[in-house]
Amino acid sequence: AEGIQELNSPVCSVNLAAVETNIVMVSVRRDLLSPVELCEHLR
């Protein structure tokens, strides 16, 4: 999550305060890339 925040990318972001356990919810700017597309590119 800290790595995502350091990226400071317009594509995705994260709320560090919400990362309390082993789960990270990554917000995706849908006008740039959908969550499904991001998952496909990461895979």
PDB file of all heavy atoms in Angstrom:
ATOM      1  N   ALA A   1       0.832  -1.206   0.000  1.00  0.00           N
ATOM      2  CA  ALA A   1       0.000   0.000   0.000  1.00  0.00           C
ATOM      3  C   ALA A   1       0.866   1.256   0.000  1.00  0.00           C
ATOM      4  O   ALA A   1       0.567   2.226  -0.716  1.00  0.00           O
ATOM      5  CB  ALA A   1      -0.938  -0.011   1.205  1.00  0.00           C
ATOM      6  N   GLU A   2       1.936   1.247   0.779  1.00  0.00           N
ATOM      7  CA  GLU A   2       2.846   2.400   0.795  1.00  0.00           C
ATOM      8  C   GLU A   2       3.494   2.599  -0.575  1.00  0.00           C
ATOM      9  O   GLU A   2       3.695   3.726  -1.022  1.00  0.00           O
ATOM     10  CB  GLU A   2       3.908   2.216   1.880  1.00  0.00           C
ATOM     11  CG  GLU A   2       3.351   2.357   3.282  1.00  0.00           C
ATOM     12  CD  GLU A   2       4.310   1.911   4.373  1.00  0.00           C
ATOM     13  OE1 GLU A   2       5.353   1.254   4.056  1.00  0.00           O
ATOM     14  OE2 GLU A   2       4.015   2.179   5.549  1.00  0.00           O
ATOM     15  N   GLY A   3       3.796   1.490  -1.250  1.00  0.00           N
ATOM     16  CA  GLY A   3       4.352   1.573  -2.596  1.00  0.00           C
ATOM     17  C   GLY A   3       3.377   2.219  -3.569  1.00  0.00           C
ATOM     18  O   GLY A   3       3.775   3.010  -4.429  1.00  0.00           O
ATOM     19  N   ILE A   4       2.104   1.894  -3.436  1.00  0.00           N
ATOM     20  CA  ILE A   4       1.089   2.516  -4.295  1.00  0.00           C
ATOM     21  C   ILE A   4       1.016   4.008  -4.012  1.00  0.00           C
ATOM     22  O   ILE A   4       0.966   4.826  -4.934  1.00  0.00           O
ATOM     23  CB  ILE A   4      -0.295   1.852  -4.083  1.00  0.00           C
ATOM     24  CG1 ILE A   4      -0.264   0.408  -4.561  1.00  0.00           C
ATOM     25  CG2 ILE A   4      -1.387   2.639  -4.809  1.00  0.00           C
ATOM     26  CD1 ILE A   4      -1.500  -0.391  -4.202  1.00  0.00           C
ATOM     27  N   GLN A   5       1.034   4.361  -2.737  1.00  0.00           N
ATOM     28  CA  GLN A   5       0.974   5.778  -2.386  1.00  0.00           C
ATOM     29  C   GLN A   5       2.196   6.530  -2.915  1.00  0.00           C
ATOM     30  O   GLN A   5       2.076   7.640  -3.435  1.00  0.00           O
ATOM     31  CB  GLN A   5       0.853   5.945  -0.874  1.00  0.00           C
ATOM     32  CG  GLN A   5       0.543   7.375  -0.469  1.00  0.00           C
ATOM     33  CD  GLN A   5       0.222   7.486   0.988  1.00  0.00           C
ATOM     34  OE1 GLN A   5       0.914   6.918   1.828  1.00  0.00           O
ATOM     35  NE2 GLN A   5      -0.847   8.208   1.305  1.00  0.00           N
ATOM     36  N   GLU A   6       3.369   5.929  -2.805  1.00  0.00           N
ATOM     37  CA  GLU A   6       4.603   6.561  -3.298  1.00  0.00           C
ATOM     38  C   GLU A   6       4.582   6.728  -4.814  1.00  0.00           C
ATOM     39  O   GLU A   6       5.215   7.649  -5.349  1.00  0.00           O
ATOM     40  CB  GLU A   6       5.820   5.736  -2.872  1.00  0.00           C
ATOM     41  CG  GLU A   6       6.107   5.802  -1.391  1.00  0.00           C
ATOM     42  CD  GLU A   6       7.111   4.750  -0.933  1.00  0.00           C
ATOM     43  OE1 GLU A   6       7.745   4.091  -1.791  1.00  0.00           O
ATOM     44  OE2 GLU A   6       7.230   4.570   0.293  1.00  0.00           O
ATOM     45  N   LEU A   7       3.870   5.837  -5.505  1.00  0.00           N
ATOM     46  CA  LEU A   7       3.752   5.949  -6.965  1.00  0.00           C
ATOM     47  C   LEU A   7       3.136   7.271  -7.373  1.00  0.00           C
ATOM     48  O   LEU A   7       3.495   7.840  -8.397  1.00  0.00           O
ATOM     49  CB  LEU A   7       2.853   4.833  -7.502  1.00  0.00           C
ATOM     50  CG  LEU A   7       3.477   3.570  -8.012  1.00  0.00           C
ATOM     51  CD1 LEU A   7       2.393   2.603  -8.449  1.00  0.00           C
ATOM     52  CD2 LEU A   7       4.440   3.823  -9.130  1.00  0.00           C
ATOM     53  N   ASN A   8       2.172   7.713  -6.572  1.00  0.00           N
ATOM     54  CA  ASN A   8       1.455   8.954  -6.870  1.00  0.00           C
ATOM     55  C   ASN A   8       0.954   8.939  -8.313  1.00  0.00           C
ATOM     56  O   ASN A   8       1.120   9.903  -9.056  1.00  0.00           O
ATOM     57  CB  ASN A   8       2.344  10.169  -6.588  1.00  0.00           C
ATOM     58  CG  ASN A   8       1.531  11.418  -6.418  1.00  0.00           C
ATOM     59  OD1 ASN A   8       0.358  11.370  -6.058  1.00  0.00           O
ATOM     60  ND2 ASN A   8       2.140  12.543  -6.710  1.00  0.00           N
ATOM     61  N   SER A   9       0.366   7.822  -8.699  1.00  0.00           N
ATOM     62  CA  SER A   9      -0.088   7.619 -10.066  1.00  0.00           C
ATOM     63  C   SER A   9      -1.539   8.059 -10.228  1.00  0.00           C
ATOM     64  O   SER A   9      -2.354   7.844  -9.325  1.00  0.00           O
ATOM     65  CB  SER A   9       0.033   6.128 -10.420  1.00  0.00           C
ATOM     66  OG  SER A   9      -0.605   5.855 -11.638  1.00  0.00           O
ATOM     67  N   PRO A  10      -1.884   8.613 -11.369  1.00  0.00           N
ATOM     68  CA  PRO A  10      -3.294   8.928 -11.618  1.00  0.00           C
ATOM     69  C   PRO A  10      -4.129   7.665 -11.871  1.00  0.00           C
ATOM     70  O   PRO A  10      -5.351   7.718 -11.815  1.00  0.00           O
ATOM     71  CB  PRO A  10      -3.253   9.816 -12.856  1.00  0.00           C
ATOM     72  CG  PRO A  10      -1.989   9.453 -13.550  1.00  0.00           C
ATOM     73  CD  PRO A  10      -1.021   9.049 -12.469  1.00  0.00           C
ATOM     74  N   VAL A  11      -3.481   6.544 -12.123  1.00  0.00           N
ATOM     75  CA  VAL A  11      -4.191   5.307 -12.430  1.00  0.00           C
ATOM     76  C   VAL A  11      -4.816   4.684 -11.182  1.00  0.00           C
ATOM     77  O   VAL A  11      -5.963   4.240 -11.208  1.00  0.00           O
ATOM     78  CB  VAL A  11      -3.253   4.289 -13.122  1.00  0.00           C
ATOM     79  CG1 VAL A  11      -3.926   2.939 -13.306  1.00  0.00           C
ATOM     80  CG2 VAL A  11      -2.770   4.834 -14.454  1.00  0.00           C
ATOM     81  N   CYS A  12      -4.069   4.659 -10.072  1.00  0.00           N
ATOM     82  CA  CYS A  12      -4.577   4.008  -8.873  1.00  0.00           C
ATOM     83  C   CYS A  12      -4.068   4.693  -7.616  1.00  0.00           C
ATOM     84  O   CYS A  12      -3.045   5.376  -7.642  1.00  0.00           O
ATOM     85  CB  CYS A  12      -4.217   2.532  -8.861  1.00  0.00           C
ATOM     86  SG  CYS A  12      -2.455   2.205  -8.929  1.00  0.00           S
ATOM     87  N   SER A  13      -4.801   4.470  -6.528  1.00  0.00           N
ATOM     88  CA  SER A  13      -4.417   5.048  -5.237  1.00  0.00           C
ATOM     89  C   SER A  13      -4.905   4.124  -4.128  1.00  0.00           C
ATOM     90  O   SER A  13      -5.638   3.168  -4.371  1.00  0.00           O
ATOM     91  CB  SER A  13      -5.033   6.444  -5.078  1.00  0.00           C
ATOM     92  OG  SER A  13      -6.446   6.355  -5.109  1.00  0.00           O
ATOM     93  N   VAL A  14      -4.495   4.450  -2.911  1.00  0.00           N
ATOM     94  CA  VAL A  14      -4.888   3.640  -1.761  1.00  0.00           C
ATOM     95  C   VAL A  14      -5.058   4.554  -0.557  1.00  0.00           C
ATOM     96  O   VAL A  14      -4.373   5.571  -0.439  1.00  0.00           O
ATOM     97  CB  VAL A  14      -3.835   2.533  -1.493  1.00  0.00           C
ATOM     98  CG1 VAL A  14      -2.528   3.103  -1.020  1.00  0.00           C
ATOM     99  CG2 VAL A  14      -4.350   1.511  -0.519  1.00  0.00           C
ATOM    100  N   ASN A  15      -5.983   4.185   0.311  1.00  0.00           N
ATOM    101  CA  ASN A  15      -6.173   4.883   1.577  1.00  0.00           C
ATOM    102  C   ASN A  15      -5.372   4.120   2.628  1.00  0.00           C
ATOM    103  O   ASN A  15      -5.821   3.078   3.115  1.00  0.00           O
ATOM    104  CB  ASN A  15      -7.665   4.929   1.929  1.00  0.00           C
ATOM    105  CG  ASN A  15      -7.919   5.535   3.291  1.00  0.00           C
ATOM    106  OD1 ASN A  15      -7.017   5.946   4.000  1.00  0.00           O
ATOM    107  ND2 ASN A  15      -9.190   5.568   3.673  1.00  0.00           N
ATOM    108  N   LEU A  16      -4.200   4.633   2.980  1.00  0.00           N
ATOM    109  CA  LEU A  16      -3.323   3.928   3.922  1.00  0.00           C
ATOM    110  C   LEU A  16      -3.989   3.704   5.275  1.00  0.00           C
ATOM    111  O   LEU A  16      -3.743   2.681   5.921  1.00  0.00           O
ATOM    112  CB  LEU A  16      -2.025   4.702   4.122  1.00  0.00           C
ATOM    113  CG  LEU A  16      -0.872   4.350   3.206  1.00  0.00           C
ATOM    114  CD1 LEU A  16       0.353   5.183   3.529  1.00  0.00           C
ATOM    115  CD2 LEU A  16      -0.533   2.888   3.248  1.00  0.00           C
ATOM    116  N   ALA A  17      -4.814   4.617   5.713  1.00  0.00           N
ATOM    117  CA  ALA A  17      -5.477   4.476   7.013  1.00  0.00           C
ATOM    118  C   ALA A  17      -6.396   3.262   7.040  1.00  0.00           C
ATOM    119  O   ALA A  17      -6.676   2.711   8.108  1.00  0.00           O
ATOM    120  CB  ALA A  17      -6.263   5.743   7.343  1.00  0.00           C
ATOM    121  N   ALA A  18      -6.860   2.828   5.889  1.00  0.00           N
ATOM    122  CA  ALA A  18      -7.773   1.682   5.815  1.00  0.00           C
ATOM    123  C   ALA A  18      -7.036   0.341   5.755  1.00  0.00           C
ATOM    124  O   ALA A  18      -7.672  -0.710   5.815  1.00  0.00           O
ATOM    125  CB  ALA A  18      -8.682   1.818   4.594  1.00  0.00           C
ATOM    126  N   VAL A  19      -5.712   0.365   5.644  1.00  0.00           N
ATOM    127  CA  VAL A  19      -4.932  -0.889   5.574  1.00  0.00           C
ATOM    128  C   VAL A  19      -4.565  -1.291   6.998  1.00  0.00           C
ATOM    129  O   VAL A  19      -3.584  -0.830   7.560  1.00  0.00           O
ATOM    130  CB  VAL A  19      -3.673  -0.719   4.700  1.00  0.00           C
ATOM    131  CG1 VAL A  19      -2.894  -2.023   4.636  1.00  0.00           C
ATOM    132  CG2 VAL A  19      -4.051  -0.244   3.315  1.00  0.00           C
ATOM    133  N   GLU A  20      -5.399  -2.163   7.565  1.00  0.00           N
ATOM    134  CA  GLU A  20      -5.213  -2.578   8.956  1.00  0.00           C
ATOM    135  C   GLU A  20      -4.754  -4.021   9.086  1.00  0.00           C
ATOM    136  O   GLU A  20      -4.198  -4.402  10.107  1.00  0.00           O
ATOM    137  CB  GLU A  20      -6.522  -2.417   9.721  1.00  0.00           C
ATOM    138  CG  GLU A  20      -6.999  -0.981   9.776  1.00  0.00           C
ATOM    139  CD  GLU A  20      -8.332  -0.845  10.468  1.00  0.00           C
ATOM    140  OE1 GLU A  20      -9.295  -1.514  10.033  1.00  0.00           O
ATOM    141  OE2 GLU A  20      -8.385  -0.078  11.439  1.00  0.00           O
ATOM    142  N   THR A  21      -5.023  -4.828   8.065  1.00  0.00           N
ATOM    143  CA  THR A  21      -4.676  -6.247   8.144  1.00  0.00           C
ATOM    144  C   THR A  21      -3.945  -6.650   6.872  1.00  0.00           C
ATOM    145  O   THR A  21      -3.074  -5.943   6.400  1.00  0.00           O
ATOM    146  CB  THR A  21      -5.944  -7.109   8.342  1.00  0.00           C
ATOM    147  OG1 THR A  21      -6.806  -6.945   7.214  1.00  0.00           O
ATOM    148  CG2 THR A  21      -6.678  -6.748   9.621  1.00  0.00           C
ATOM    149  N   ASN A  22      -4.327  -7.788   6.309  1.00  0.00           N
ATOM    150  CA  ASN A  22      -3.677  -8.341   5.130  1.00  0.00           C
ATOM    151  C   ASN A  22      -4.423  -7.997   3.844  1.00  0.00           C
ATOM    152  O   ASN A  22      -4.150  -8.585   2.814  1.00  0.00           O
ATOM    153  CB  ASN A  22      -3.579  -9.867   5.270  1.00  0.00           C
ATOM    154  CG  ASN A  22      -4.948 -10.528   5.338  1.00  0.00           C
ATOM    155  OD1 ASN A  22      -5.891  -9.986   5.907  1.00  0.00           O
ATOM    156  ND2 ASN A  22      -5.052 -11.709   4.775  1.00  0.00           N
ATOM    157  N   ILE A  23      -5.349  -7.059   3.900  1.00  0.00           N
ATOM    158  CA  ILE A  23      -6.157  -6.699   2.737  1.00  0.00           C
ATOM    159  C   ILE A  23      -5.869  -5.263   2.334  1.00  0.00           C
ATOM    160  O   ILE A  23      -5.874  -4.366   3.174  1.00  0.00           O
ATOM    161  CB  ILE A  23      -7.660  -6.868   3.036  1.00  0.00           C
ATOM    162  CG1 ILE A  23      -7.964  -8.330   3.393  1.00  0.00           C
ATOM    163  CG2 ILE A  23      -8.504  -6.408   1.860  1.00  0.00           C
ATOM    164  CD1 ILE A  23      -9.385  -8.573   3.859  1.00  0.00           C
ATOM    165  N   VAL A  24      -5.620  -5.065   1.030  1.00  0.00           N
ATOM    166  CA  VAL A  24      -5.424  -3.726   0.478  1.00  0.00           C
ATOM    167  C   VAL A  24      -6.471  -3.516  -0.606  1.00  0.00           C
ATOM    168  O   VAL A  24      -6.562  -4.298  -1.551  1.00  0.00           O
ATOM    169  CB  VAL A  24      -4.004  -3.554  -0.125  1.00  0.00           C
ATOM    170  CG1 VAL A  24      -3.849  -2.183  -0.764  1.00  0.00           C
ATOM    171  CG2 VAL A  24      -2.942  -3.780   0.950  1.00  0.00           C
ATOM    172  N   MET A  25      -7.254  -2.459  -0.440  1.00  0.00           N
ATOM    173  CA  MET A  25      -8.249  -2.082  -1.434  1.00  0.00           C
ATOM    174  C   MET A  25      -7.632  -0.952  -2.267  1.00  0.00           C
ATOM    175  O   MET A  25      -7.347   0.119  -1.742  1.00  0.00           O
ATOM    176  CB  MET A  25      -9.541  -1.619  -0.764  1.00  0.00           C
ATOM    177  CG  MET A  25     -10.157  -2.678   0.151  1.00  0.00           C
ATOM    178  SD  MET A  25     -10.513  -4.246  -0.643  1.00  0.00           S
ATOM    179  CE  MET A  25     -12.064  -3.891  -1.399  1.00  0.00           C
ATOM    180  N   VAL A  26      -7.437  -1.220  -3.548  1.00  0.00           N
ATOM    181  CA  VAL A  26      -6.799  -0.260  -4.455  1.00  0.00           C
ATOM    182  C   VAL A  26      -7.891   0.439  -5.256  1.00  0.00           C
ATOM    183  O   VAL A  26      -8.668  -0.213  -5.952  1.00  0.00           O
ATOM    184  CB  VAL A  26      -5.821  -0.983  -5.407  1.00  0.00           C
ATOM    185  CG1 VAL A  26      -5.133   0.019  -6.333  1.00  0.00           C
ATOM    186  CG2 VAL A  26      -4.792  -1.785  -4.616  1.00  0.00           C
ATOM    187  N   SER A  27      -7.943   1.756  -5.155  1.00  0.00           N
ATOM    188  CA  SER A  27      -8.900   2.541  -5.934  1.00  0.00           C
ATOM    189  C   SER A  27      -8.338   2.756  -7.325  1.00  0.00           C
ATOM    190  O   SER A  27      -7.166   3.107  -7.483  1.00  0.00           O
ATOM    191  CB  SER A  27      -9.154   3.893  -5.271  1.00  0.00           C
ATOM    192  OG  SER A  27      -9.730   3.700  -4.002  1.00  0.00           O
ATOM    193  N   VAL A  28      -9.184   2.556  -8.330  1.00  0.00           N
ATOM    194  CA  VAL A  28      -8.757   2.672  -9.729  1.00  0.00           C
ATOM    195  C   VAL A  28      -9.549   3.799 -10.376  1.00  0.00           C
ATOM    196  O   VAL A  28     -10.765   3.872 -10.234  1.00  0.00           O
ATOM    197  CB  VAL A  28      -9.009   1.348 -10.491  1.00  0.00           C
ATOM    198  CG1 VAL A  28      -8.553   1.449 -11.928  1.00  0.00           C
ATOM    199  CG2 VAL A  28      -8.312   0.193  -9.788  1.00  0.00           C
ATOM    200  N   ARG A  29      -8.844   4.676 -11.078  1.00  0.00           N
ATOM    201  CA  ARG A  29      -9.536   5.742 -11.821  1.00  0.00           C
ATOM    202  C   ARG A  29     -10.166   5.114 -13.044  1.00  0.00           C
ATOM    203  O   ARG A  29      -9.508   4.849 -14.044  1.00  0.00           O
ATOM    204  CB  ARG A  29      -8.558   6.836 -12.249  1.00  0.00           C
ATOM    205  CG  ARG A  29      -8.216   7.783 -11.161  1.00  0.00           C
ATOM    206  CD  ARG A  29      -8.456   9.255 -11.401  1.00  0.00           C
ATOM    207  NE  ARG A  29      -8.798   9.734 -12.704  1.00  0.00           N
ATOM    208  CZ  ARG A  29      -8.072  10.598 -13.406  1.00  0.00           C
ATOM    209  NH1 ARG A  29      -6.936  11.058 -12.926  1.00  0.00           N
ATOM    210  NH2 ARG A  29      -8.482  11.024 -14.578  1.00  0.00           N
ATOM    211  N   ARG A  30     -11.440   4.856 -12.952  1.00  0.00           N
ATOM    212  CA  ARG A  30     -12.172   4.122 -13.979  1.00  0.00           C
ATOM    213  C   ARG A  30     -12.132   4.794 -15.344  1.00  0.00           C
ATOM    214  O   ARG A  30     -12.187   4.125 -16.363  1.00  0.00           O
ATOM    215  CB  ARG A  30     -13.612   3.924 -13.517  1.00  0.00           C
ATOM    216  CG  ARG A  30     -14.356   2.923 -14.335  1.00  0.00           C
ATOM    217  CD  ARG A  30     -15.626   2.505 -13.637  1.00  0.00           C
ATOM    218  NE  ARG A  30     -16.604   1.987 -14.562  1.00  0.00           N
ATOM    219  CZ  ARG A  30     -16.561   0.797 -15.113  1.00  0.00           C
ATOM    220  NH1 ARG A  30     -15.561  -0.006 -14.860  1.00  0.00           N
ATOM    221  NH2 ARG A  30     -17.497   0.393 -15.939  1.00  0.00           N
ATOM    222  N   ASP A  31     -11.993   6.115 -15.364  1.00  0.00           N
ATOM    223  CA  ASP A  31     -11.919   6.796 -16.659  1.00  0.00           C
ATOM    224  C   ASP A  31     -10.595   6.503 -17.366  1.00  0.00           C
ATOM    225  O   ASP A  31     -10.477   6.690 -18.572  1.00  0.00           O
ATOM    226  CB  ASP A  31     -12.128   8.300 -16.502  1.00  0.00           C
ATOM    227  CG  ASP A  31     -11.111   8.947 -15.580  1.00  0.00           C
ATOM    228  OD1 ASP A  31     -10.764   8.333 -14.551  1.00  0.00           O
ATOM    229  OD2 ASP A  31     -10.663  10.060 -15.885  1.00  0.00           O
ATOM    230  N   LEU A  32      -9.609   6.017 -16.614  1.00  0.00           N
ATOM    231  CA  LEU A  32      -8.322   5.648 -17.209  1.00  0.00           C
ATOM    232  C   LEU A  32      -8.214   4.147 -17.452  1.00  0.00           C
ATOM    233  O   LEU A  32      -7.644   3.705 -18.451  1.00  0.00           O
ATOM    234  CB  LEU A  32      -7.174   6.088 -16.295  1.00  0.00           C
ATOM    235  CG  LEU A  32      -7.013   7.587 -16.081  1.00  0.00           C
ATOM    236  CD1 LEU A  32      -5.886   7.852 -15.084  1.00  0.00           C
ATOM    237  CD2 LEU A  32      -6.741   8.296 -17.402  1.00  0.00           C
ATOM    238  N   LEU A  33      -8.751   3.355 -16.516  1.00  0.00           N
ATOM    239  CA  LEU A  33      -8.584   1.906 -16.555  1.00  0.00           C
ATOM    240  C   LEU A  33      -9.631   1.290 -15.624  1.00  0.00           C
ATOM    241  O   LEU A  33      -9.828   1.777 -14.519  1.00  0.00           O
ATOM    242  CB  LEU A  33      -7.169   1.576 -16.050  1.00  0.00           C
ATOM    243  CG  LEU A  33      -6.625   0.186 -16.108  1.00  0.00           C
ATOM    244  CD1 LEU A  33      -6.372  -0.226 -17.550  1.00  0.00           C
ATOM    245  CD2 LEU A  33      -5.308   0.115 -15.345  1.00  0.00           C
ATOM    246  N   SER A  34     -10.282   0.246 -16.060  1.00  0.00           N
ATOM    247  CA  SER A  34     -11.258  -0.405 -15.177  1.00  0.00           C
ATOM    248  C   SER A  34     -10.530  -1.376 -14.243  1.00  0.00           C
ATOM    249  O   SER A  34      -9.425  -1.826 -14.552  1.00  0.00           O
ATOM    250  CB  SER A  34     -12.297  -1.162 -16.004  1.00  0.00           C
ATOM    251  OG  SER A  34     -11.750  -2.375 -16.493  1.00  0.00           O
ATOM    252  N   PRO A  35     -11.148  -1.717 -13.108  1.00  0.00           N
ATOM    253  CA  PRO A  35     -10.535  -2.713 -12.224  1.00  0.00           C
ATOM    254  C   PRO A  35     -10.265  -4.046 -12.937  1.00  0.00           C
ATOM    255  O   PRO A  35      -9.222  -4.656 -12.719  1.00  0.00           O
ATOM    256  CB  PRO A  35     -11.575  -2.874 -11.107  1.00  0.00           C
ATOM    257  CG  PRO A  35     -12.226  -1.533 -11.045  1.00  0.00           C
ATOM    258  CD  PRO A  35     -12.324  -1.094 -12.483  1.00  0.00           C
ATOM    259  N   VAL A  36     -11.182  -4.464 -13.804  1.00  0.00           N
ATOM    260  CA  VAL A  36     -10.970  -5.716 -14.544  1.00  0.00           C
ATOM    261  C   VAL A  36      -9.737  -5.591 -15.436  1.00  0.00           C
ATOM    262  O   VAL A  36      -8.899  -6.506 -15.496  1.00  0.00           O
ATOM    263  CB  VAL A  36     -12.222  -6.079 -15.374  1.00  0.00           C
ATOM    264  CG1 VAL A  36     -11.928  -7.236 -16.323  1.00  0.00           C
ATOM    265  CG2 VAL A  36     -13.385  -6.429 -14.457  1.00  0.00           C
ATOM    266  N   GLU A  37      -9.603  -4.464 -16.133  1.00  0.00           N
ATOM    267  CA  GLU A  37      -8.430  -4.264 -16.999  1.00  0.00           C
ATOM    268  C   GLU A  37      -7.139  -4.238 -16.186  1.00  0.00           C
ATOM    269  O   GLU A  37      -6.134  -4.822 -16.596  1.00  0.00           O
ATOM    270  CB  GLU A  37      -8.573  -2.956 -17.786  1.00  0.00           C
ATOM    271  CG  GLU A  37      -9.637  -2.993 -18.855  1.00  0.00           C
ATOM    272  CD  GLU A  37      -9.889  -1.631 -19.466  1.00  0.00           C
ATOM    273  OE1 GLU A  37      -9.948  -0.627 -18.717  1.00  0.00           O
ATOM    274  OE2 GLU A  37     -10.022  -1.569 -20.704  1.00  0.00           O
ATOM    275  N   LEU A  38      -7.160  -3.558 -15.031  1.00  0.00           N
ATOM    276  CA  LEU A  38      -5.963  -3.518 -14.198  1.00  0.00           C
ATOM    277  C   LEU A  38      -5.578  -4.931 -13.771  1.00  0.00           C
ATOM    278  O   LEU A  38      -4.409  -5.316 -13.848  1.00  0.00           O
ATOM    279  CB  LEU A  38      -6.173  -2.630 -12.972  1.00  0.00           C
ATOM    280  CG  LEU A  38      -4.986  -2.544 -12.012  1.00  0.00           C
ATOM    281  CD1 LEU A  38      -3.725  -2.039 -12.715  1.00  0.00           C
ATOM    282  CD2 LEU A  38      -5.325  -1.682 -10.809  1.00  0.00           C
ATOM    283  N   CYS A  39      -6.559  -5.727 -13.348  1.00  0.00           N
ATOM    284  CA  CYS A  39      -6.288  -7.116 -12.943  1.00  0.00           C
ATOM    285  C   CYS A  39      -5.687  -7.915 -14.094  1.00  0.00           C
ATOM    286  O   CYS A  39      -4.747  -8.689 -13.903  1.00  0.00           O
ATOM    287  CB  CYS A  39      -7.561  -7.784 -12.441  1.00  0.00           C
ATOM    288  SG  CYS A  39      -8.150  -7.115 -10.871  1.00  0.00           S
ATOM    289  N   GLU A  40      -6.225  -7.724 -15.303  1.00  0.00           N
ATOM    290  CA  GLU A  40      -5.706  -8.441 -16.476  1.00  0.00           C
ATOM    291  C   GLU A  40      -4.268  -8.033 -16.776  1.00  0.00           C
ATOM    292  O   GLU A  40      -3.426  -8.883 -17.075  1.00  0.00           O
ATOM    293  CB  GLU A  40      -6.599  -8.167 -17.682  1.00  0.00           C
ATOM    294  CG  GLU A  40      -7.940  -8.864 -17.599  1.00  0.00           C
ATOM    295  CD  GLU A  40      -8.934  -8.412 -18.680  1.00  0.00           C
ATOM    296  OE1 GLU A  40      -8.610  -7.490 -19.477  1.00  0.00           O
ATOM    297  OE2 GLU A  40     -10.045  -8.979 -18.703  1.00  0.00           O
ATOM    298  N   HIS A  41      -3.964  -6.732 -16.690  1.00  0.00           N
ATOM    299  CA  HIS A  41      -2.597  -6.260 -16.955  1.00  0.00           C
ATOM    300  C   HIS A  41      -1.619  -6.754 -15.890  1.00  0.00           C
ATOM    301  O   HIS A  41      -0.458  -7.050 -16.205  1.00  0.00           O
ATOM    302  CB  HIS A  41      -2.554  -4.740 -17.036  1.00  0.00           C
ATOM    303  CG  HIS A  41      -3.163  -4.183 -18.278  1.00  0.00           C
ATOM    304  ND1 HIS A  41      -2.664  -4.415 -19.541  1.00  0.00           N
ATOM    305  CD2 HIS A  41      -4.262  -3.401 -18.450  1.00  0.00           C
ATOM    306  CE1 HIS A  41      -3.404  -3.802 -20.440  1.00  0.00           C
ATOM    307  NE2 HIS A  41      -4.400  -3.180 -19.804  1.00  0.00           N
ATOM    308  N   LEU A  42      -2.071  -6.828 -14.648  1.00  0.00           N
ATOM    309  CA  LEU A  42      -1.197  -7.322 -13.582  1.00  0.00           C
ATOM    310  C   LEU A  42      -0.932  -8.816 -13.710  1.00  0.00           C
ATOM    311  O   LEU A  42       0.144  -9.289 -13.373  1.00  0.00           O
ATOM    312  CB  LEU A  42      -1.798  -7.012 -12.207  1.00  0.00           C
ATOM    313  CG  LEU A  42      -1.770  -5.545 -11.791  1.00  0.00           C
ATOM    314  CD1 LEU A  42      -2.602  -5.326 -10.535  1.00  0.00           C
ATOM    315  CD2 LEU A  42      -0.341  -5.063 -11.588  1.00  0.00           C
ATOM    316  N   ARG A  43      -1.916  -9.547 -14.213  1.00  0.00           N
ATOM    317  CA  ARG A  43      -1.761 -10.998 -14.385  1.00  0.00           C
ATOM    318  C   ARG A  43      -0.898 -11.344 -15.604  1.00  0.00           C
ATOM    319  O   ARG A  43      -0.087 -12.265 -15.569  1.00  0.00           O
ATOM    320  CB  ARG A  43      -3.130 -11.659 -14.507  1.00  0.00           C
ATOM    321  CG  ARG A  43      -3.041 -13.175 -14.549  1.00  0.00           C
ATOM    322  CD  ARG A  43      -4.386 -13.854 -14.712  1.00  0.00           C
ATOM    323  NE  ARG A  43      -4.997 -13.440 -15.975  1.00  0.00           N
ATOM    324  CZ  ARG A  43      -6.200 -12.894 -16.085  1.00  0.00           C
ATOM    325  NH1 ARG A  43      -6.938 -12.680 -15.038  1.00  0.00           N
ATOM    326  NH2 ARG A  43      -6.668 -12.550 -17.259  1.00  0.00           N
TER     327      ARG A  43
END
